[in-house]
C-alpha atoms as a PDB file:
ATOM      1  CA  UNK A   1     103.861  68.818  85.723  1.00  0.00           C
ATOM      2  CA  UNK A   2     101.488  70.799  83.416  1.00  0.00           C
ATOM      3  CA  UNK A   3      99.082  73.178  85.981  1.00  0.00           C
ATOM      4  CA  UNK A   4      97.022  76.067  85.425  1.00  0.00           C
ATOM      5  CA  UNK A   5      96.415  78.716  87.305  1.00  0.00           C
ATOM      6  CA  UNK A   6      92.306  78.904  87.726  1.00  0.00           C
ATOM      7  CA  UNK A   7      91.405  80.325  91.016  1.00  0.00           C
ATOM      8  CA  UNK A   8      88.137  79.611  92.741  1.00  0.00           C
ATOM      9  CA  UNK A   9      87.484  82.723  95.197  1.00  0.00           C
ATOM     10  CA  UNK A  10      84.843  82.459  98.077  1.00  0.00           C
ATOM     11  CA  UNK A  11      81.838  84.817  98.198  1.00  0.00           C
ATOM     12  CA  UNK A  12      82.354  85.139 101.449  1.00  0.00           C
ATOM     13  CA  UNK A  13      85.342  86.533 101.430  1.00  0.00           C
ATOM     14  CA  UNK A  14      84.840  88.526  98.810  1.00  0.00           C
ATOM     15  CA  UNK A  15      82.141  90.391 100.064  1.00  0.00           C
ATOM     16  CA  UNK A  16      82.798  93.617 100.712  1.00  0.00           C
ATOM     17  CA  UNK A  17      79.674  94.555 103.211  1.00  0.00           C
ATOM     18  CA  UNK A  18      81.368  91.508 105.183  1.00  0.00           C
ATOM     19  CA  UNK A  19      78.536  89.419 105.254  1.00  0.00           C
ATOM     20  CA  UNK A  20      78.878  85.375 105.578  1.00  0.00           C
ATOM     21  CA  UNK A  21      77.336  83.394 102.706  1.00  0.00           C
ATOM     22  CA  UNK A  22      75.181  80.519 103.829  1.00  0.00           C
ATOM     23  CA  UNK A  23      77.572  77.287 103.679  1.00  0.00           C
ATOM     24  CA  UNK A  24      80.455  79.143 104.391  1.00  0.00           C
ATOM     25  CA  UNK A  25      83.192  78.337 107.159  1.00  0.00           C
ATOM     26  CA  UNK A  26      83.028  80.531 109.971  1.00  0.00           C
ATOM     27  CA  UNK A  27      85.855  82.859 111.014  1.00  0.00           C
ATOM     28  CA  UNK A  28      87.904  81.025 113.365  1.00  0.00           C
ATOM     29  CA  UNK A  29      91.045  81.845 115.590  1.00  0.00           C
ATOM     30  CA  UNK A  30      93.505  79.878 113.341  1.00  0.00           C
ATOM     31  CA  UNK A  31      95.139  80.466 110.694  1.00  0.00           C
ATOM     32  CA  UNK A  32      95.469  76.556 110.165  1.00  0.00           C
ATOM     33  CA  UNK A  33      91.882  75.867 111.022  1.00  0.00           C
ATOM     34  CA  UNK A  34      90.585  77.819 108.393  1.00  0.00           C
ATOM     35  CA  UNK A  35      93.277  76.353 106.108  1.00  0.00           C
ATOM     36  CA  UNK A  36      91.878  72.609 106.714  1.00  0.00           C
ATOM     37  CA  UNK A  37      88.065  73.881 106.713  1.00  0.00           C
ATOM     38  CA  UNK A  38      89.017  75.343 103.011  1.00  0.00           C
ATOM     39  CA  UNK A  39      90.686  72.322 101.794  1.00  0.00           C
ATOM     40  CA  UNK A  40      88.041  70.364 102.891  1.00  0.00           C
ATOM     41  CA  UNK A  41      85.816  72.570 100.644  1.00  0.00           C
ATOM     42  CA  UNK A  42      88.318  72.777  97.934  1.00  0.00           C
ATOM     43  CA  UNK A  43      88.059  68.846  97.631  1.00  0.00           C
ATOM     44  CA  UNK A  44      84.525  68.623  97.322  1.00  0.00           C
ATOM     45  CA  UNK A  45      84.674  71.516  94.621  1.00  0.00           C
ATOM     46  CA  UNK A  46      86.840  69.347  92.511  1.00  0.00           C
ATOM     47  CA  UNK A  47      84.967  67.734  89.637  1.00  0.00           C
ATOM     48  CA  UNK A  48      86.303  65.437  86.733  1.00  0.00           C
ATOM     49  CA  UNK A  49      85.851  68.248  84.557  1.00  0.00           C
ATOM     50  CA  UNK A  50      87.941  70.968  86.746  1.00  0.00           C
ATOM     51  CA  UNK A  51      90.296  68.833  88.356  1.00  0.00           C
ATOM     52  CA  UNK A  52      93.309  69.551  85.870  1.00  0.00           C
ATOM     53  CA  UNK A  53      92.791  73.145  86.517  1.00  0.00           C
ATOM     54  CA  UNK A  54      92.750  73.123  89.409  1.00  0.00           C
ATOM     55  CA  UNK A  55      96.512  71.252  89.783  1.00  0.00           C
ATOM     56  CA  UNK A  56      94.900  67.749  90.100  1.00  0.00           C
ATOM     57  CA  UNK A  57      95.042  64.851  87.528  1.00  0.00           C
ATOM     58  CA  UNK A  58      92.140  63.012  89.020  1.00  0.00           C
ATOM     59  CA  UNK A  59      89.150  63.705  91.868  1.00  0.00           C
ATOM     60  CA  UNK A  60      90.545  60.910  94.091  1.00  0.00           C
ATOM     61  CA  UNK A  61      93.858  62.421  93.704  1.00  0.00           C
ATOM     62  CA  UNK A  62      92.274  65.515  95.038  1.00  0.00           C
ATOM     63  CA  UNK A  63      90.949  63.544  98.256  1.00  0.00           C
ATOM     64  CA  UNK A  64      94.377  62.622  99.091  1.00  0.00           C
ATOM     65  CA  UNK A  65      95.877  66.139  99.390  1.00  0.00           C
ATOM     66  CA  UNK A  66      97.247  67.579 102.312  1.00  0.00           C
ATOM     67  CA  UNK A  67      98.300  71.253 103.655  1.00  0.00           C
ATOM     68  CA  UNK A  68     101.866  71.853 103.286  1.00  0.00           C
ATOM     69  CA  UNK A  69     104.120  74.518 105.451  1.00  0.00           C
ATOM     70  CA  UNK A  70     102.452  77.971 105.395  1.00  0.00           C
ATOM     71  CA  UNK A  71     103.628  81.568 103.471  1.00  0.00           C
ATOM     72  CA  UNK A  72     102.731  84.648 104.688  1.00  0.00           C
ATOM     73  CA  UNK A  73     102.315  87.575 101.965  1.00  0.00           C
ATOM     74  CA  UNK A  74     103.476  90.876 101.723  1.00  0.00           C
ATOM     75  CA  UNK A  75     102.790  92.679  99.045  1.00  0.00           C
ATOM     76  CA  UNK A  76     103.943  95.873  97.000  1.00  0.00           C
ATOM     77  CA  UNK A  77     102.083  98.239  96.642  1.00  0.00           C
ATOM     78  CA  UNK A  78     101.740 100.864  93.562  1.00  0.00           C
ATOM     79  CA  UNK A  79     102.239 104.225  95.297  1.00  0.00           C
ATOM     80  CA  UNK A  80     105.070 102.199  97.204  1.00  0.00           C
ATOM     81  CA  UNK A  81     107.266 101.273  94.153  1.00  0.00           C
ATOM     82  CA  UNK A  82     106.462 104.652  92.147  1.00  0.00           C
ATOM     83  CA  UNK A  83     108.219 106.194  95.032  1.00  0.00           C
ATOM     84  CA  UNK A  84     111.277 104.189  95.247  1.00  0.00           C
ATOM     85  CA  UNK A  85     114.369 104.964  93.970  1.00  0.00           C
ATOM     86  CA  UNK A  86     118.142 103.619  94.033  1.00  0.00           C
ATOM     87  CA  UNK A  87     119.451 102.530  97.200  1.00  0.00           C
ATOM     88  CA  UNK A  88     116.387 103.174  99.617  1.00  0.00           C
ATOM     89  CA  UNK A  89     115.600 100.331 102.063  1.00  0.00           C
ATOM     90  CA  UNK A  90     113.764  97.485  99.834  1.00  0.00           C
ATOM     91  CA  UNK A  91     112.010  96.921 102.928  1.00  0.00           C
ATOM     92  CA  UNK A  92     109.906 100.207 102.873  1.00  0.00           C
ATOM     93  CA  UNK A  93     107.969  98.720  99.557  1.00  0.00           C
ATOM     94  CA  UNK A  94     107.117  95.660 101.611  1.00  0.00           C
ATOM     95  CA  UNK A  95     103.808  95.711 103.597  1.00  0.00           C
ATOM     96  CA  UNK A  96     102.105  92.334 105.656  1.00  0.00           C
ATOM     97  CA  UNK A  97      99.101  91.668 103.977  1.00  0.00           C
ATOM     98  CA  UNK A  98      96.417  89.629 105.864  1.00  0.00           C
ATOM     99  CA  UNK A  99      96.325  87.070 103.652  1.00  0.00           C
ATOM    100  CA  UNK A 100      98.384  83.589 104.158  1.00  0.00           C
ATOM    101  CA  UNK A 101      99.104  81.123 101.483  1.00  0.00           C
ATOM    102  CA  UNK A 102      99.203  76.896 102.280  1.00  0.00           C
ATOM    103  CA  UNK A 103     100.469  74.676  99.364  1.00  0.00           C
ATOM    104  CA  UNK A 104      98.369  72.094  98.966  1.00  0.00           C
ATOM    105  CA  UNK A 105     100.411  68.786  98.076  1.00  0.00           C
ATOM    106  CA  UNK A 106      99.787  65.321  97.064  1.00  0.00           C
ATOM    107  CA  UNK A 107     102.571  62.682  98.227  1.00  0.00           C
ATOM    108  CA  UNK A 108     104.190  65.406  99.311  1.00  0.00           C
ATOM    109  CA  UNK A 109     104.637  67.370  95.526  1.00  0.00           C
ATOM    110  CA  UNK A 110     102.884  70.407  95.478  1.00  0.00           C
ATOM    111  CA  UNK A 111      99.606  70.718  93.142  1.00  0.00           C
ATOM    112  CA  UNK A 112      97.446  73.627  94.263  1.00  0.00           C
ATOM    113  CA  UNK A 113      96.611  75.889  97.306  1.00  0.00           C
ATOM    114  CA  UNK A 114      93.905  77.432  99.521  1.00  0.00           C
ATOM    115  CA  UNK A 115      94.884  80.714 100.715  1.00  0.00           C
ATOM    116  CA  UNK A 116      92.697  82.592 103.906  1.00  0.00           C
ATOM    117  CA  UNK A 117      92.790  85.885 105.023  1.00  0.00           C
ATOM    118  CA  UNK A 118      92.642  87.289 108.639  1.00  0.00           C
ATOM    119  CA  UNK A 119      89.047  89.280 109.134  1.00  0.00           C
ATOM    120  CA  UNK A 120      88.575  91.235 112.135  1.00  0.00           C
ATOM    121  CA  UNK A 121      86.218  88.793 113.440  1.00  0.00           C
ATOM    122  CA  UNK A 122      88.593  85.758 112.542  1.00  0.00           C
ATOM    123  CA  UNK A 123      90.606  84.055 109.898  1.00  0.00           C
ATOM    124  CA  UNK A 124      88.530  82.227 107.021  1.00  0.00           C
ATOM    125  CA  UNK A 125      89.003  80.637 103.593  1.00  0.00           C
ATOM    126  CA  UNK A 126      89.449  82.710 100.841  1.00  0.00           C
ATOM    127  CA  UNK A 127      90.190  81.428  97.774  1.00  0.00           C
ATOM    128  CA  UNK A 128      91.434  77.794  96.248  1.00  0.00           C
ATOM    129  CA  UNK A 129      93.450  76.690  93.282  1.00  0.00           C
ATOM    130  CA  UNK A 130      96.291  79.585  91.628  1.00  0.00           C
ATOM    131  CA  UNK A 131      98.089  76.260  91.577  1.00  0.00           C
ATOM    132  CA  UNK A 132     101.016  77.301  88.832  1.00  0.00           C
ATOM    133  CA  UNK A 133     102.469  79.907  91.081  1.00  0.00           C
ATOM    134  CA  UNK A 134     101.543  78.296  94.303  1.00  0.00           C
ATOM    135  CA  UNK A 135     103.208  74.896  92.998  1.00  0.00           C
ATOM    136  CA  UNK A 136     106.119  77.157  91.618  1.00  0.00           C
ATOM    137  CA  UNK A 137     106.902  78.991  95.200  1.00  0.00           C
ATOM    138  CA  UNK A 138     106.630  75.892  96.950  1.00  0.00           C
ATOM    139  CA  UNK A 139     109.111  74.039  94.808  1.00  0.00           C
ATOM    140  CA  UNK A 140     111.680  77.367  94.991  1.00  0.00           C
ATOM    141  CA  UNK A 141     110.991  77.403  98.867  1.00  0.00           C
ATOM    142  CA  UNK A 142     112.585  73.570  99.030  1.00  0.00           C
ATOM    143  CA  UNK A 143     115.813  75.419  98.462  1.00  0.00           C
ATOM    144  CA  UNK A 144     114.872  78.382 100.846  1.00  0.00           C
ATOM    145  CA  UNK A 145     113.178  76.694 103.810  1.00  0.00           C
ATOM    146  CA  UNK A 146     113.579  78.385 106.494  1.00  0.00           C
ATOM    147  CA  UNK A 147     113.004  82.845 106.511  1.00  0.00           C
ATOM    148  CA  UNK A 148     110.869  82.967 103.148  1.00  0.00           C
ATOM    149  CA  UNK A 149     107.515  84.629 102.411  1.00  0.00           C
ATOM    150  CA  UNK A 150     105.333  85.044  99.379  1.00  0.00           C
ATOM    151  CA  UNK A 151     105.437  88.641  97.679  1.00  0.00           C
ATOM    152  CA  UNK A 152     102.556  89.781  95.688  1.00  0.00           C
ATOM    153  CA  UNK A 153     102.855  92.764  93.110  1.00  0.00           C
ATOM    154  CA  UNK A 154      99.301  93.471  92.192  1.00  0.00           C
ATOM    155  CA  UNK A 155      98.999  95.941  89.588  1.00  0.00           C
ATOM    156  CA  UNK A 156     101.612  93.359  87.540  1.00  0.00           C
ATOM    157  CA  UNK A 157     100.110  90.315  88.659  1.00  0.00           C
ATOM    158  CA  UNK A 158     103.972  88.796  89.624  1.00  0.00           C
ATOM    159  CA  UNK A 159     104.817  86.668  92.302  1.00  0.00           C
ATOM    160  CA  UNK A 160     108.025  85.987  94.363  1.00  0.00           C
ATOM    161  CA  UNK A 161     109.344  83.952  96.972  1.00  0.00           C
ATOM    162  CA  UNK A 162     111.220  86.167  99.343  1.00  0.00           C
ATOM    163  CA  UNK A 163     114.854  84.815 101.643  1.00  0.00           C
ATOM    164  CA  UNK A 164     116.719  86.571 104.118  1.00  0.00           C
ATOM    165  CA  UNK A 165     119.829  85.361 103.824  1.00  0.00           C
ATOM    166  CA  UNK A 166     123.189  86.455 104.577  1.00  0.00           C
ATOM    167  CA  UNK A 167     123.712  88.437 101.826  1.00  0.00           C
ATOM    168  CA  UNK A 168     120.436  90.075 102.398  1.00  0.00           C
ATOM    169  CA  UNK A 169     117.095  89.857 101.181  1.00  0.00           C
ATOM    170  CA  UNK A 170     116.663  88.140  98.036  1.00  0.00           C
ATOM    171  CA  UNK A 171     113.392  87.613  95.290  1.00  0.00           C
ATOM    172  CA  UNK A 172     113.041  85.111  93.661  1.00  0.00           C
ATOM    173  CA  UNK A 173     110.038  85.116  90.577  1.00  0.00           C
ATOM    174  CA  UNK A 174     107.680  82.406  90.797  1.00  0.00           C
ATOM    175  CA  UNK A 175     107.079  82.429  86.868  1.00  0.00           C
ATOM    176  CA  UNK A 176     108.560  83.509  83.909  1.00  0.00           C
ATOM    177  CA  UNK A 177     107.826  87.157  83.710  1.00  0.00           C
ATOM    178  CA  UNK A 178     108.847  88.592  80.666  1.00  0.00           C
ATOM    179  CA  UNK A 179     108.956  92.108  81.356  1.00  0.00           C
ATOM    180  CA  UNK A 180     111.622  91.320  83.909  1.00  0.00           C
ATOM    181  CA  UNK A 181     115.276  90.560  83.047  1.00  0.00           C
ATOM    182  CA  UNK A 182     115.198  87.778  85.704  1.00  0.00           C
ATOM    183  CA  UNK A 183     114.842  83.967  85.380  1.00  0.00           C
ATOM    184  CA  UNK A 184     111.804  82.010  87.205  1.00  0.00           C
ATOM    185  CA  UNK A 185     113.506  80.136  90.270  1.00  0.00           C
ATOM    186  CA  UNK A 186     116.934  81.866  90.314  1.00  0.00           C
ATOM    187  CA  UNK A 187     117.049  84.507  92.930  1.00  0.00           C
ATOM    188  CA  UNK A 188     118.152  88.102  92.733  1.00  0.00           C
ATOM    189  CA  UNK A 189     118.950  90.933  95.291  1.00  0.00           C
ATOM    190  CA  UNK A 190     115.924  91.849  96.201  1.00  0.00           C
ATOM    191  CA  UNK A 191     116.865  95.889  95.360  1.00  0.00           C
ATOM    192  CA  UNK A 192     117.897  94.892  92.088  1.00  0.00           C
ATOM    193  CA  UNK A 193     114.245  93.527  91.065  1.00  0.00           C
ATOM    194  CA  UNK A 194     112.410  96.328  92.973  1.00  0.00           C
ATOM    195  CA  UNK A 195     114.677  98.646  90.918  1.00  0.00           C
ATOM    196  CA  UNK A 196     113.272  96.933  87.710  1.00  0.00           C
ATOM    197  CA  UNK A 197     109.915  96.955  89.053  1.00  0.00           C
ATOM    198  CA  UNK A 198     109.690 100.746  88.718  1.00  0.00           C
ATOM    199  CA  UNK A 199     109.543 101.300  84.864  1.00  0.00           C
ATOM    200  CA  UNK A 200     107.060  98.891  85.043  1.00  0.00           C
ATOM    201  CA  UNK A 201     104.894 100.559  87.510  1.00  0.00           C
ATOM    202  CA  UNK A 202     105.092 103.887  86.268  1.00  0.00           C
ATOM    203  CA  UNK A 203     103.957 103.205  82.429  1.00  0.00           C
ATOM    204  CA  UNK A 204     101.031 101.842  84.935  1.00  0.00           C
ATOM    205  CA  UNK A 205      97.891 103.673  84.145  1.00  0.00           C
ATOM    206  CA  UNK A 206      96.045 103.123  87.410  1.00  0.00           C
ATOM    207  CA  UNK A 207      93.323 100.966  85.801  1.00  0.00           C
ATOM    208  CA  UNK A 208      92.210  97.732  86.983  1.00  0.00           C
ATOM    209  CA  UNK A 209      94.173  94.699  85.037  1.00  0.00           C
END
């Protein structure tokens, strides 16, 4: 299955002023309810012209989509990575974000995603799509169904699935990242992955990418 990583952002969720755009869903107290509202909006946005870029074969397929189990999103920030040294506790570079990813599935197969964020007034849908990455994370999770979460490295645009195992925290790249010595879908000790990220971040000039 080939899907693109097109993302639709809700204007209401990206406004720095925090005002709610007319027609956007009101914040709610449940992440699940916000995701369901987001899925309904997403389904209305799918057209014959954009369905494949959003992860679907057709508009009709999108209408049959349902939400799958969510994943909390942790972030590895630039500043934390810059100060990381071999032997440090990997958990110190991880920061819980306000985002939760809900894979969107059709016939039990992941096709796309809905992301919700928690704001002071409640949960709201934030973005739709990012199909390639969300589908990869969902597929990897099938081999680690318990105690997993997504990890995002914003300055590098990289996603990983994290799993706490008897051997410690493991990180699995969602996609192939040529700058890393790890394969997509293959778990590696989190300490090794973070150490490999450090020189990439040290070369980063701090400008938006």
